[in-house]
Amino acid sequence: MPFRWLAILVLGLLVQSLRAQPTTIPAEPAPATRAQPSAAAPSQEAQLRTLIDTLQEVEAERATLNRQLKRTADPAEAQQLNEQAARIAARRKELKISFEEIATGGASSTELQQQAGAAFDWQQEIEDVIRPLLDAVKRLTERPRTIERLRSERTLYESRLQIADAAVAHIEKTLAAAEEPIVKKALQTTLERWQDHREEAEGRLQRINAQLERLAAPGAPTGKRFALTLQEFSSGRGLNLLLAVGGFVLTYLVLSGFGQLAGRFAGRGRKWKTRRLARVTALLFQALTAILAFFAATLILYARGDWLLLGLLILLAAGILWGLKQSLPRYVAEIRILLGMGSVREGERLVYAGVPWQITSLNVYSTLRNPLLRGGALRLPLDRLVDLQSRPHAPEESWFPSRENDIVILDGDIHGKVLMQTPEVVQVQVVGAVKTFTVADYLGKNPRNLSLEGFAAPVVFGLDYRHQGEILSEIVPRLRAYLEEQLEQQPFRPHLKDLLVEFNEAAASSLNVLIVAVFTGAGAEYYWPVHRFLQRTAVSACNRYGWTIPFDQLTVHLPPAQP
């Protein structure tokens, strides 16, 4: 998605910006004096004098190294001297920067130097656009974090100063007791090195204390600073953001309103081909509307001179375009459907979630309807229809196997009345209880609708073989007459369409008669009572006319007995 790629890009730039954030602590001076630490901080003139003396010493060391480099012919020694010269040059540069900072009150000429003719760095350019936003966000929390960092550094350098003091004292004691010139020379060199460490720690502590005193000075309360920051944002960048969003929304709504008004006048009484052309025009107009609204927001930010928000808006547009590159084929398929040139078309029939639906409208959110379901209207996004396929609907096709208040039989044995059917569930009243099925489970039970076109109740009734001579001529007509007589007294008689009584077959143990009663759908609730009635009436006829009902028999033939 476009927003996901944009979020990843912005997050990477934020992390890189935080890593490259320059420290707010100025470069520390490196005094070279070997005076003992005093309780009071030296004056500015004394610090400058110390830096001048240290610079003179460094210049002397540099000149000495240059003379040695000119005289030496050993490559190894020349390399070692070059390394020392590089360290002295870096030391000399640091001392000059420290001198400038003390003399100017913290400013340095290096900040005024610009690199001419530098190569274009897109990461640096984007970082320059985002950095003002980061600075505005970090401004409220910069002071507490700086104080905490300086206190931590002060503890560290105080510990270093204690170690250096102890080491210098021990070296001086050892040097006073030493007698060998070589040992004294080595101890003197070590003493000078540790004195340098101590002086560096002292100078760093002095700068940290000065910064802590400046930061600890009373300033505006936090609530007041927050109110001032909020006021500045609302009158500056916040106002620009509000104007840009308002311009985008206003332009989009106005142009969309003109487009809908023109579409209503142009779409009246038009045929399908003209409607398709109107859809193409409407789609292009919507795209043009979005582009013009974007340019309106861009022009507002440009006129206000807010380059930060303008840069972020351009980054947002670039992220959206990059996301469209990945999902463009999918969008093309959706546009084909929207224009009526895809696999799904308006007015046709499709199957979604196992249920047939009629496509009443195709749009960004399409409408599907099923007239036999309660609440049978779905609003689906266009991407859900890309993988589906529709076809023309035949007038005799049903939209669902049942309707509410129909009598159905599920899996051949569950008989009940449909109370409610929605796109999600179907409720059936079964033997006084209400059972709820999901639509998929309901359709999976192969519902047989007795109320739709009626039903037939077949019964096979068997008589004994002793009635073989009269079953065709007397028993079948008499049984039919008896059934018709009894049916006149039943509540389901008005729903009877046909009654069939015929000889069915000569079975192994009986002569079977087939009884079939055909009813209309209005009598579907009597499905099981009809079956019981037919069985009961057949037995009653046997009792009245003396017909024998056989049972399963097994005849065993034995050989004759031997005398």
Protein backbone atom coordinates (compact mmCIF):
# COMPACT_ATOMS: atom_id res chain seq x y z
CA MET A 1 0.00 0.00 0.00
CA PRO A 2 1.20 3.59 -0.60
CA PHE A 3 1.00 4.61 3.04
CA ARG A 4 3.10 1.64 4.14
CA TRP A 5 5.97 2.56 1.78
CA LEU A 6 5.71 6.23 2.80
CA ALA A 7 5.86 5.31 6.50
CA ILE A 8 8.98 3.18 5.92
CA LEU A 9 10.68 6.03 4.00
CA VAL A 10 9.87 8.67 6.63
CA LEU A 11 10.94 6.36 9.48
CA GLY A 12 14.30 5.72 7.81
CA LEU A 13 14.87 9.44 7.33
CA LEU A 14 13.99 10.14 10.97
CA VAL A 15 16.46 7.53 12.22
CA GLN A 16 19.21 8.84 9.97
CA SER A 17 18.44 12.41 11.06
CA LEU A 18 18.73 11.49 14.72
CA ARG A 19 22.03 9.71 14.11
CA ALA A 20 23.44 12.72 12.26
CA GLN A 21 22.17 15.28 14.81
CA PRO A 22 25.10 17.49 15.80
CA THR A 23 25.79 17.87 19.47
CA THR A 24 24.92 21.12 21.13
CA ILE A 25 28.06 21.05 23.30
CA PRO A 26 30.84 23.16 21.79
CA ALA A 27 34.27 21.68 21.24
CA GLU A 28 36.25 21.57 24.44
CA PRO A 29 39.39 23.59 24.83
CA ALA A 30 42.54 21.71 25.53
CA PRO A 31 44.67 23.84 27.78
CA ALA A 32 48.26 22.79 28.07
CA THR A 33 49.21 24.53 31.29
CA ARG A 34 50.47 22.40 34.09
CA ALA A 35 49.23 24.53 36.94
CA GLN A 36 47.66 22.84 39.90
CA PRO A 37 43.82 22.88 39.97
CA SER A 38 42.45 25.92 41.72
CA ALA A 39 39.16 26.41 43.47
CA ALA A 40 38.12 29.43 41.31
CA ALA A 41 37.72 29.18 37.56
CA PRO A 42 40.36 31.12 35.56
CA SER A 43 39.34 34.31 33.79
CA GLN A 44 38.76 34.52 30.06
CA GLU A 45 42.06 36.32 29.55
CA ALA A 46 43.92 33.64 31.45
CA GLN A 47 42.29 30.92 29.34
CA LEU A 48 43.24 32.73 26.14
CA ARG A 49 46.82 33.18 27.38
CA THR A 50 47.01 29.49 28.16
CA LEU A 51 45.75 28.58 24.67
CA ILE A 52 48.31 30.91 23.05
CA ASP A 53 51.14 29.31 25.00
CA THR A 54 49.91 25.84 24.08
CA LEU A 55 49.65 26.82 20.41
CA GLN A 56 53.24 28.09 20.47
CA GLU A 57 54.42 24.80 21.93
CA VAL A 58 52.49 22.85 19.30
CA GLU A 59 53.92 25.03 16.52
CA ALA A 60 57.43 24.38 17.86
CA GLU A 61 56.81 20.63 17.93
CA ARG A 62 55.44 20.81 14.38
CA ALA A 63 58.50 22.67 13.12
CA THR A 64 60.78 20.15 14.79
CA LEU A 65 58.95 17.24 13.16
CA ASN A 66 59.15 18.90 9.76
CA ARG A 67 62.91 19.27 10.09
CA GLN A 68 63.25 15.64 11.14
CA LEU A 69 61.16 14.56 8.15
CA LYS A 70 63.47 16.43 5.78
CA ARG A 71 66.57 14.81 7.25
CA THR A 72 65.34 11.20 7.62
CA ALA A 73 65.81 8.59 4.90
CA ASP A 74 64.27 5.61 6.71
CA PRO A 75 60.73 4.87 5.37
CA ALA A 76 59.59 3.40 8.69
CA GLU A 77 60.80 6.38 10.65
CA ALA A 78 59.27 8.73 8.07
CA GLN A 79 55.90 7.01 8.44
CA GLN A 80 56.06 7.33 12.21
CA LEU A 81 56.95 11.01 11.96
CA ASN A 82 54.07 11.60 9.53
CA GLU A 83 51.62 10.04 11.98
CA GLN A 84 52.93 12.27 14.75
CA ALA A 85 52.65 15.28 12.45
CA ALA A 86 49.02 14.41 11.68
CA ARG A 87 48.21 14.18 15.38
CA ILE A 88 49.91 17.52 16.03
CA ALA A 89 47.99 19.11 13.13
CA ALA A 90 44.69 17.87 14.56
CA ARG A 91 45.72 19.15 17.98
CA ARG A 92 46.61 22.55 16.48
CA LYS A 93 43.20 22.75 14.73
CA GLU A 94 41.34 21.93 17.96
CA LEU A 95 43.27 24.58 19.86
CA LYS A 96 42.44 27.23 17.25
CA ILE A 97 38.75 26.30 17.36
CA SER A 98 38.79 26.51 21.17
CA PHE A 99 40.49 29.92 21.02
CA GLU A 100 37.81 31.19 18.60
CA GLU A 101 34.96 29.84 20.71
CA ILE A 102 36.28 31.47 23.89
CA ALA A 103 37.05 34.72 22.12
CA THR A 104 33.69 34.92 20.29
CA GLY A 105 31.47 33.52 23.04
CA GLY A 106 30.87 30.11 21.46
CA ALA A 107 30.86 30.88 17.70
CA SER A 108 33.28 29.25 15.30
CA SER A 109 34.37 30.16 11.79
CA THR A 110 33.94 26.55 10.69
CA GLU A 111 30.19 27.04 10.86
CA LEU A 112 30.43 29.80 8.24
CA GLN A 113 32.38 27.71 5.77
CA GLN A 114 30.40 26.17 2.92
CA GLN A 115 31.51 23.51 0.52
CA ALA A 116 31.28 24.93 -2.98
CA GLY A 117 30.58 22.57 -5.86
CA ALA A 118 29.58 19.64 -3.64
CA ALA A 119 27.82 16.73 -5.33
CA PHE A 120 24.05 16.46 -4.97
CA ASP A 121 23.07 14.19 -2.08
CA TRP A 122 19.34 13.36 -2.12
CA GLN A 123 19.48 11.91 1.37
CA GLN A 124 20.96 15.14 2.69
CA GLU A 125 18.36 17.19 0.82
CA ILE A 126 15.48 15.17 2.31
CA GLU A 127 17.11 15.39 5.73
CA ASP A 128 17.29 19.18 5.38
CA VAL A 129 13.55 19.22 4.65
CA ILE A 130 12.63 17.05 7.63
CA ARG A 131 15.10 18.51 10.16
CA PRO A 132 12.99 21.62 10.99
CA LEU A 133 10.11 19.35 11.95
CA LEU A 134 12.40 17.28 14.16
CA ASP A 135 13.81 20.40 15.78
CA ALA A 136 10.32 21.65 16.54
CA VAL A 137 9.35 18.34 18.11
CA LYS A 138 12.57 18.01 20.13
CA ARG A 139 12.51 21.61 21.35
CA LEU A 140 10.24 20.87 24.29
CA THR A 141 12.39 17.99 25.60
CA GLU A 142 15.86 19.25 24.64
CA ARG A 143 16.59 21.12 27.88
CA PRO A 144 15.97 18.22 30.36
CA ARG A 145 17.87 15.76 28.19
CA THR A 146 20.85 18.12 27.83
CA ILE A 147 21.04 18.71 31.59
CA GLU A 148 20.92 14.97 32.29
CA ARG A 149 23.68 14.29 29.75
CA LEU A 150 25.90 17.04 31.15
CA ARG A 151 25.49 15.75 34.69
CA SER A 152 26.47 12.28 33.57
CA GLU A 153 29.57 13.68 31.80
CA ARG A 154 30.47 15.74 34.86
CA THR A 155 30.46 12.61 37.03
CA LEU A 156 32.68 10.86 34.49
CA TYR A 157 35.26 13.69 34.28
CA GLU A 158 35.30 14.16 38.04
CA SER A 159 36.25 10.51 38.35
CA ARG A 160 38.96 10.98 35.70
CA LEU A 161 40.28 14.06 37.49
CA GLN A 162 40.58 12.15 40.77
CA ILE A 163 42.48 9.37 39.04
CA ALA A 164 44.77 11.87 37.32
CA ASP A 165 45.46 13.74 40.60
CA ALA A 166 46.35 10.52 42.36
CA ALA A 167 48.58 9.42 39.49
CA VAL A 168 50.39 12.82 39.32
CA ALA A 169 50.98 12.83 43.08
CA HIS A 170 52.38 9.32 43.00
CA ILE A 171 54.63 10.10 40.01
CA GLU A 172 55.97 13.26 41.72
CA LYS A 173 56.72 11.28 44.87
CA THR A 174 58.51 8.60 42.86
CA LEU A 175 60.41 11.22 40.85
CA ALA A 176 61.63 12.93 44.03
CA ALA A 177 63.04 9.66 45.29
CA ALA A 178 64.61 8.59 41.96
CA GLU A 179 68.38 9.00 41.40
CA GLU A 180 69.06 7.47 37.97
CA PRO A 181 68.93 10.04 35.15
CA ILE A 182 67.25 7.60 32.75
CA VAL A 183 64.52 6.79 35.27
CA LYS A 184 64.04 10.48 36.05
CA LYS A 185 63.69 11.30 32.36
CA ALA A 186 61.07 8.56 31.81
CA LEU A 187 59.21 9.60 34.95
CA GLN A 188 59.28 13.22 33.81
CA THR A 189 57.74 12.27 30.44
CA THR A 190 55.06 10.22 32.17
CA LEU A 191 54.38 13.04 34.60
CA GLU A 192 53.89 15.51 31.74
CA ARG A 193 51.49 13.14 30.00
CA TRP A 194 49.38 12.67 33.13
CA GLN A 195 49.44 16.39 33.83
CA ASP A 196 48.01 16.86 30.34
CA HIS A 197 45.25 14.36 31.18
CA ARG A 198 44.48 16.24 34.37
CA GLU A 199 44.37 19.58 32.60
CA GLU A 200 42.07 18.19 29.93
CA ALA A 201 39.72 16.86 32.61
CA GLU A 202 39.82 20.23 34.41
CA GLY A 203 39.04 22.14 31.23
CA ARG A 204 36.18 19.80 30.37
CA LEU A 205 34.72 20.12 33.88
CA GLN A 206 34.90 23.92 33.68
CA ARG A 207 32.94 23.92 30.42
CA ILE A 208 30.37 21.44 31.73
CA ASN A 209 29.82 23.52 34.88
CA ALA A 210 29.43 26.67 32.79
CA GLN A 211 26.84 25.01 30.58
CA LEU A 212 24.95 23.63 33.58
CA GLU A 213 24.85 27.10 35.14
CA ARG A 214 23.47 28.54 31.92
CA LEU A 215 20.83 25.82 31.56
CA ALA A 216 19.86 26.00 35.23
CA ALA A 217 19.12 29.72 34.96
CA PRO A 218 15.44 30.48 35.57
CA GLY A 219 13.41 30.70 32.39
CA ALA A 220 9.81 30.63 31.31
CA PRO A 221 7.61 27.99 33.00
CA THR A 222 6.95 24.77 31.13
CA GLY A 223 3.25 25.51 30.74
CA LYS A 224 3.98 28.95 29.36
CA ARG A 225 6.57 27.59 26.94
CA PHE A 226 4.07 24.96 25.77
CA ALA A 227 1.38 27.62 25.30
CA LEU A 228 3.80 29.79 23.33
CA THR A 229 4.82 26.84 21.18
CA LEU A 230 1.18 25.93 20.56
CA GLN A 231 0.34 29.53 19.70
CA GLU A 232 3.27 29.72 17.32
CA PHE A 233 2.19 26.51 15.63
CA SER A 234 -1.45 27.55 15.31
CA SER A 235 -0.53 30.91 13.80
CA GLY A 236 2.19 29.55 11.55
CA ARG A 237 2.52 25.99 10.30
CA GLY A 238 -0.77 24.87 11.83
CA LEU A 239 -2.64 27.58 9.95
CA ASN A 240 -0.87 26.60 6.73
CA LEU A 241 -1.84 22.97 7.24
CA LEU A 242 -5.47 23.91 7.91
CA LEU A 243 -5.59 26.09 4.79
CA ALA A 244 -4.06 23.36 2.63
CA VAL A 245 -6.47 20.68 3.87
CA GLY A 246 -9.41 23.07 3.51
CA GLY A 247 -8.37 23.97 -0.03
CA PHE A 248 -8.07 20.30 -0.97
CA VAL A 249 -11.47 19.37 0.48
CA LEU A 250 -13.24 22.43 -0.92
CA THR A 251 -11.83 21.93 -4.43
CA TYR A 252 -12.71 18.23 -4.40
CA LEU A 253 -16.27 18.78 -3.17
CA VAL A 254 -16.99 21.60 -5.61
CA LEU A 255 -15.67 19.73 -8.64
CA SER A 256 -17.36 16.48 -7.56
CA GLY A 257 -20.67 18.33 -7.20
CA PHE A 258 -20.36 19.75 -10.72
CA GLY A 259 -19.53 16.29 -12.03
CA GLN A 260 -22.55 14.64 -10.39
CA LEU A 261 -24.86 17.41 -11.61
CA ALA A 262 -23.58 17.08 -15.16
CA GLY A 263 -23.88 13.29 -14.98
CA ARG A 264 -27.54 13.46 -13.95
CA PHE A 265 -28.46 15.70 -16.85
CA ALA A 266 -26.38 13.71 -19.33
CA GLY A 267 -27.57 10.26 -18.17
CA ARG A 268 -31.34 10.77 -18.51
CA GLY A 269 -32.93 8.54 -21.14
CA ARG A 270 -29.61 7.28 -22.48
CA LYS A 271 -28.96 3.71 -23.66
CA TRP A 272 -26.36 1.31 -22.39
CA LYS A 273 -23.57 2.38 -24.79
CA THR A 274 -24.09 6.01 -23.88
CA ARG A 275 -24.13 5.07 -20.19
CA ARG A 276 -20.80 3.27 -20.63
CA LEU A 277 -19.30 6.37 -22.22
CA ALA A 278 -20.73 8.44 -19.38
CA ARG A 279 -19.03 6.13 -16.86
CA VAL A 280 -15.68 6.51 -18.61
CA THR A 281 -16.11 10.27 -18.57
CA ALA A 282 -17.13 10.24 -14.90
CA LEU A 283 -14.09 8.14 -13.95
CA LEU A 284 -11.70 10.45 -15.78
CA PHE A 285 -13.39 13.46 -14.20
CA GLN A 286 -12.94 11.96 -10.71
CA ALA A 287 -9.24 11.40 -11.36
CA LEU A 288 -8.90 14.97 -12.66
CA THR A 289 -10.76 16.23 -9.59
CA ALA A 290 -8.30 14.53 -7.24
CA ILE A 291 -5.31 15.91 -9.17
CA LEU A 292 -6.69 19.45 -9.19
CA ALA A 293 -7.46 19.27 -5.46
CA PHE A 294 -3.87 18.15 -4.83
CA PHE A 295 -2.52 21.06 -6.88
CA ALA A 296 -4.77 23.46 -4.97
CA ALA A 297 -3.22 22.32 -1.67
CA THR A 298 0.26 22.60 -3.21
CA LEU A 299 -0.37 26.14 -4.44
CA ILE A 300 -1.63 27.22 -1.01
CA LEU A 301 1.53 25.95 0.70
CA TYR A 302 3.68 27.55 -2.01
CA ALA A 303 1.94 30.89 -1.59
CA ARG A 304 2.34 30.69 2.19
CA GLY A 305 6.04 29.85 1.80
CA ASP A 306 5.82 26.75 4.01
CA TRP A 307 8.50 24.63 2.39
CA LEU A 308 8.42 22.00 5.12
CA LEU A 309 4.76 21.05 4.62
CA LEU A 310 5.20 21.39 0.86
CA GLY A 311 8.08 18.93 0.95
CA LEU A 312 6.10 16.49 3.09
CA LEU A 313 3.16 16.77 0.68
CA ILE A 314 5.44 15.96 -2.25
CA LEU A 315 6.83 12.97 -0.33
CA LEU A 316 3.28 11.79 0.31
CA ALA A 317 2.45 12.04 -3.39
CA ALA A 318 5.64 10.17 -4.29
CA GLY A 319 4.76 7.40 -1.82
CA ILE A 320 1.27 7.06 -3.27
CA LEU A 321 2.64 6.85 -6.82
CA TRP A 322 5.19 4.23 -5.74
CA GLY A 323 2.41 2.18 -4.16
CA LEU A 324 0.32 2.47 -7.32
CA LYS A 325 3.21 0.95 -9.25
CA GLN A 326 2.86 -2.27 -7.27
CA SER A 327 -0.96 -2.50 -7.39
CA LEU A 328 -1.61 -1.02 -10.84
CA PRO A 329 -2.70 -4.35 -12.50
CA ARG A 330 -5.31 -4.83 -9.78
CA TYR A 331 -6.62 -1.32 -10.27
CA VAL A 332 -6.84 -1.86 -14.03
CA ALA A 333 -9.05 -4.92 -13.46
CA GLU A 334 -11.29 -2.91 -11.12
CA ILE A 335 -11.59 -0.10 -13.66
CA ARG A 336 -12.60 -2.61 -16.36
CA ILE A 337 -15.38 -3.88 -14.09
CA LEU A 338 -16.45 -0.35 -13.25
CA LEU A 339 -16.73 0.46 -16.95
CA GLY A 340 -18.76 -2.67 -17.69
CA MET A 341 -15.99 -4.42 -19.64
CA GLY A 342 -14.97 -7.05 -17.08
CA SER A 343 -16.21 -10.45 -15.94
CA VAL A 344 -18.91 -8.89 -13.72
CA ARG A 345 -21.61 -6.69 -15.21
CA GLU A 346 -24.54 -4.73 -13.88
CA GLY A 347 -27.97 -6.42 -13.92
CA GLU A 348 -26.56 -9.95 -14.13
CA ARG A 349 -26.50 -12.82 -11.65
CA LEU A 350 -23.48 -13.99 -9.66
CA VAL A 351 -22.83 -16.36 -6.79
CA TYR A 352 -21.15 -14.86 -3.71
CA ALA A 353 -20.61 -16.88 -0.50
CA GLY A 354 -22.70 -19.72 -2.00
CA VAL A 355 -25.79 -17.51 -2.53
CA PRO A 356 -26.99 -16.11 -5.87
CA TRP A 357 -27.21 -12.31 -6.07
CA GLN A 358 -28.35 -9.77 -8.61
CA ILE A 359 -25.96 -6.90 -9.34
CA THR A 360 -28.17 -3.83 -9.10
CA SER A 361 -25.34 -1.26 -9.32
CA LEU A 362 -21.61 -1.25 -10.01
CA ASN A 363 -19.56 1.43 -8.32
CA VAL A 364 -16.68 1.82 -5.90
CA TYR A 365 -19.07 0.08 -3.50
CA SER A 366 -21.36 -2.17 -5.55
CA THR A 367 -24.85 -3.23 -4.45
CA LEU A 368 -26.01 -6.86 -4.62
CA ARG A 369 -29.59 -7.91 -3.87
CA ASN A 370 -31.45 -11.15 -3.23
CA PRO A 371 -35.24 -10.68 -3.10
CA LEU A 372 -35.88 -13.85 -1.06
CA LEU A 373 -33.63 -12.94 1.89
CA ARG A 374 -34.53 -10.61 4.73
CA GLY A 375 -32.06 -7.72 4.57
CA GLY A 376 -30.88 -9.18 1.28
CA ALA A 377 -28.69 -6.28 0.17
CA LEU A 378 -24.89 -6.26 0.26
CA ARG A 379 -22.50 -3.37 -0.34
CA LEU A 380 -19.21 -4.84 -1.53
CA PRO A 381 -16.02 -2.98 -2.44
CA LEU A 382 -15.02 -3.28 -6.05
CA ASP A 383 -11.93 -5.39 -5.30
CA ARG A 384 -14.16 -8.21 -4.00
CA LEU A 385 -15.73 -8.58 -7.45
CA VAL A 386 -12.50 -8.86 -9.44
CA ASP A 387 -12.25 -12.66 -9.05
CA LEU A 388 -16.00 -13.32 -9.57
CA GLN A 389 -17.99 -13.93 -12.74
CA SER A 390 -21.59 -13.05 -13.54
CA ARG A 391 -24.07 -14.29 -16.16
CA PRO A 392 -27.53 -13.30 -17.44
CA HIS A 393 -30.45 -14.35 -15.24
CA ALA A 394 -33.23 -16.60 -16.57
CA PRO A 395 -36.79 -15.68 -15.48
CA GLU A 396 -37.55 -19.19 -14.19
CA GLU A 397 -34.46 -19.34 -11.96
CA SER A 398 -35.00 -19.10 -8.22
CA TRP A 399 -32.90 -16.82 -6.01
CA PHE A 400 -33.05 -19.19 -3.00
CA PRO A 401 -34.38 -22.74 -2.37
CA SER A 402 -37.02 -21.49 0.08
CA ARG A 403 -38.94 -18.48 1.33
CA GLU A 404 -40.01 -17.52 4.81
CA ASN A 405 -43.00 -19.62 6.08
CA ASP A 406 -42.21 -22.41 3.59
CA ILE A 407 -42.19 -26.03 4.72
CA VAL A 408 -38.90 -27.79 3.91
CA ILE A 409 -37.29 -31.16 4.45
CA LEU A 410 -33.52 -31.19 5.10
CA ASP A 411 -31.44 -34.30 4.39
CA GLY A 412 -34.67 -36.28 3.92
CA ASP A 413 -35.63 -36.41 7.61
CA ILE A 414 -35.62 -32.88 9.12
CA HIS A 415 -39.09 -31.42 8.53
CA GLY A 416 -39.76 -27.87 9.54
CA LYS A 417 -41.04 -24.41 8.75
CA VAL A 418 -38.68 -21.62 7.68
CA LEU A 419 -39.10 -18.75 10.14
CA MET A 420 -36.39 -16.39 8.91
CA GLN A 421 -33.65 -16.40 6.28
CA THR A 422 -30.98 -13.72 6.00
CA PRO A 423 -27.66 -13.53 4.14
CA GLU A 424 -26.00 -15.10 7.21
CA VAL A 425 -28.43 -17.57 8.87
CA VAL A 426 -31.66 -19.54 8.30
CA GLN A 427 -33.98 -20.34 11.23
CA VAL A 428 -36.24 -23.42 10.92
CA GLN A 429 -38.93 -24.52 13.37
CA VAL A 430 -38.50 -28.26 13.90
CA VAL A 431 -40.90 -30.15 16.24
CA GLY A 432 -41.64 -27.11 18.36
CA ALA A 433 -38.00 -25.98 18.59
CA VAL A 434 -36.14 -23.41 16.50
CA LYS A 435 -32.90 -24.52 14.87
CA THR A 436 -30.50 -22.02 13.35
CA PHE A 437 -28.27 -22.93 10.41
CA THR A 438 -25.69 -20.89 8.62
CA VAL A 439 -26.55 -20.36 4.99
CA ALA A 440 -23.75 -22.70 3.91
CA ASP A 441 -24.95 -25.48 6.25
CA TYR A 442 -28.55 -24.97 5.20
CA LEU A 443 -27.74 -25.26 1.51
CA GLY A 444 -25.49 -28.24 2.23
CA LYS A 445 -28.46 -30.20 3.63
CA ASN A 446 -30.17 -30.17 0.20
CA PRO A 447 -33.44 -28.51 1.27
CA ARG A 448 -36.58 -29.87 -0.37
CA ASN A 449 -39.29 -27.20 -0.52
CA LEU A 450 -42.73 -28.76 -0.05
CA SER A 451 -44.52 -25.41 -0.28
CA LEU A 452 -43.19 -24.41 -3.65
CA GLU A 453 -44.87 -26.87 -6.06
CA GLY A 454 -46.53 -29.34 -3.73
CA PHE A 455 -45.55 -32.87 -2.74
CA ALA A 456 -46.50 -36.53 -3.13
CA ALA A 457 -46.96 -39.07 -0.30
CA PRO A 458 -46.29 -42.64 -1.60
CA VAL A 459 -47.26 -45.72 0.46
CA VAL A 460 -46.71 -49.39 -0.51
CA PHE A 461 -49.23 -51.74 1.18
CA GLY A 462 -49.03 -55.55 0.98
CA LEU A 463 -51.84 -58.22 0.98
CA ASP A 464 -51.69 -61.98 1.36
CA TYR A 465 -51.42 -64.25 -1.71
CA ARG A 466 -54.81 -65.78 -0.89
CA HIS A 467 -56.33 -62.64 -2.48
CA GLN A 468 -54.54 -63.24 -5.76
CA GLY A 469 -57.75 -63.86 -7.70
CA GLU A 470 -59.53 -60.71 -6.59
CA ILE A 471 -56.79 -58.13 -6.06
CA LEU A 472 -57.04 -56.61 -9.55
CA SER A 473 -60.77 -56.74 -10.09
CA GLU A 474 -62.17 -56.03 -6.62
CA ILE A 475 -59.59 -55.02 -4.02
CA VAL A 476 -57.88 -52.13 -5.85
CA PRO A 477 -61.16 -50.32 -6.87
CA ARG A 478 -62.71 -50.90 -3.44
CA LEU A 479 -59.57 -49.61 -1.65
CA ARG A 480 -59.58 -46.46 -3.80
CA ALA A 481 -63.25 -45.80 -3.05
CA TYR A 482 -62.66 -46.29 0.64
CA LEU A 483 -59.70 -43.87 0.63
CA GLU A 484 -61.75 -41.21 -1.17
CA GLU A 485 -64.54 -41.63 1.36
CA GLN A 486 -62.17 -41.20 4.31
CA LEU A 487 -60.38 -38.25 2.73
CA GLU A 488 -63.57 -36.21 2.75
CA GLN A 489 -63.35 -36.04 6.53
CA GLN A 490 -59.70 -34.84 6.70
CA PRO A 491 -58.55 -31.19 6.97
CA PHE A 492 -56.08 -31.59 4.13
CA ARG A 493 -58.74 -32.74 1.62
CA PRO A 494 -58.95 -29.28 -0.07
CA HIS A 495 -55.26 -29.51 -0.96
CA LEU A 496 -55.50 -32.92 -2.65
CA LYS A 497 -54.67 -32.82 -6.36
CA ASP A 498 -54.68 -36.50 -7.28
CA LEU A 499 -55.03 -39.96 -5.72
CA LEU A 500 -53.43 -43.02 -7.28
CA VAL A 501 -54.23 -46.63 -6.18
CA GLU A 502 -52.69 -49.37 -8.36
CA PHE A 503 -51.25 -52.85 -8.09
CA ASN A 504 -47.50 -52.44 -7.75
CA GLU A 505 -45.81 -55.86 -7.73
CA ALA A 506 -45.96 -59.47 -6.63
CA ALA A 507 -43.35 -59.62 -3.91
CA ALA A 508 -41.88 -62.69 -2.21
CA SER A 509 -44.44 -62.81 0.59
CA SER A 510 -47.17 -60.34 -0.46
CA LEU A 511 -49.09 -58.70 -3.23
CA ASN A 512 -48.15 -55.01 -2.99
CA VAL A 513 -50.51 -52.14 -3.75
CA LEU A 514 -49.11 -48.63 -4.42
CA ILE A 515 -50.99 -45.67 -2.93
CA VAL A 516 -49.87 -42.16 -3.95
CA ALA A 517 -51.60 -38.95 -2.75
CA VAL A 518 -50.52 -35.72 -4.50
CA PHE A 519 -51.10 -32.39 -2.71
CA THR A 520 -50.53 -28.74 -3.49
CA GLY A 521 -47.91 -26.65 -1.67
CA ALA A 522 -50.56 -25.12 0.59
CA GLY A 523 -50.93 -28.46 2.38
CA ALA A 524 -47.20 -28.90 3.03
CA GLU A 525 -47.69 -28.71 6.80
CA TYR A 526 -49.69 -32.01 6.60
CA TYR A 527 -46.78 -33.92 5.05
CA TRP A 528 -46.35 -36.45 7.87
CA PRO A 529 -50.08 -36.58 8.84
CA VAL A 530 -50.85 -37.59 5.21
CA HIS A 531 -48.38 -40.49 5.43
CA ARG A 532 -49.89 -41.70 8.68
CA PHE A 533 -53.43 -41.30 7.30
CA LEU A 534 -52.70 -43.48 4.27
CA GLN A 535 -51.21 -46.26 6.38
CA ARG A 536 -54.06 -46.09 8.89
CA THR A 537 -56.77 -46.08 6.24
CA ALA A 538 -55.24 -49.08 4.42
CA VAL A 539 -55.27 -51.12 7.64
CA SER A 540 -58.85 -49.98 8.34
CA ALA A 541 -59.93 -51.17 4.86
CA CYS A 542 -58.39 -54.59 5.52
CA ASN A 543 -60.32 -54.89 8.77
CA ARG A 544 -63.59 -53.82 7.13
CA TYR A 545 -63.39 -56.09 4.09
CA GLY A 546 -61.56 -59.03 5.67
CA TRP A 547 -58.34 -58.72 3.72
CA THR A 548 -55.36 -60.50 5.22
CA ILE A 549 -52.14 -58.63 5.83
CA PRO A 550 -49.22 -61.04 5.39
CA PHE A 551 -46.01 -61.24 7.32
CA ASP A 552 -42.64 -62.46 6.25
CA GLN A 553 -42.71 -66.26 5.90
CA LEU A 554 -40.05 -68.90 5.36
CA THR A 555 -41.23 -72.17 3.79
CA VAL A 556 -39.10 -75.25 4.44
CA HIS A 557 -39.58 -78.32 2.20
CA LEU A 558 -38.63 -81.64 3.88
CA PRO A 559 -38.09 -84.93 2.05
CA PRO A 560 -40.77 -87.63 2.61
CA ALA A 561 -40.18 -89.92 5.58
CA GLN A 562 -38.68 -93.40 4.85
CA PRO A 563 -40.77 -96.43 5.85
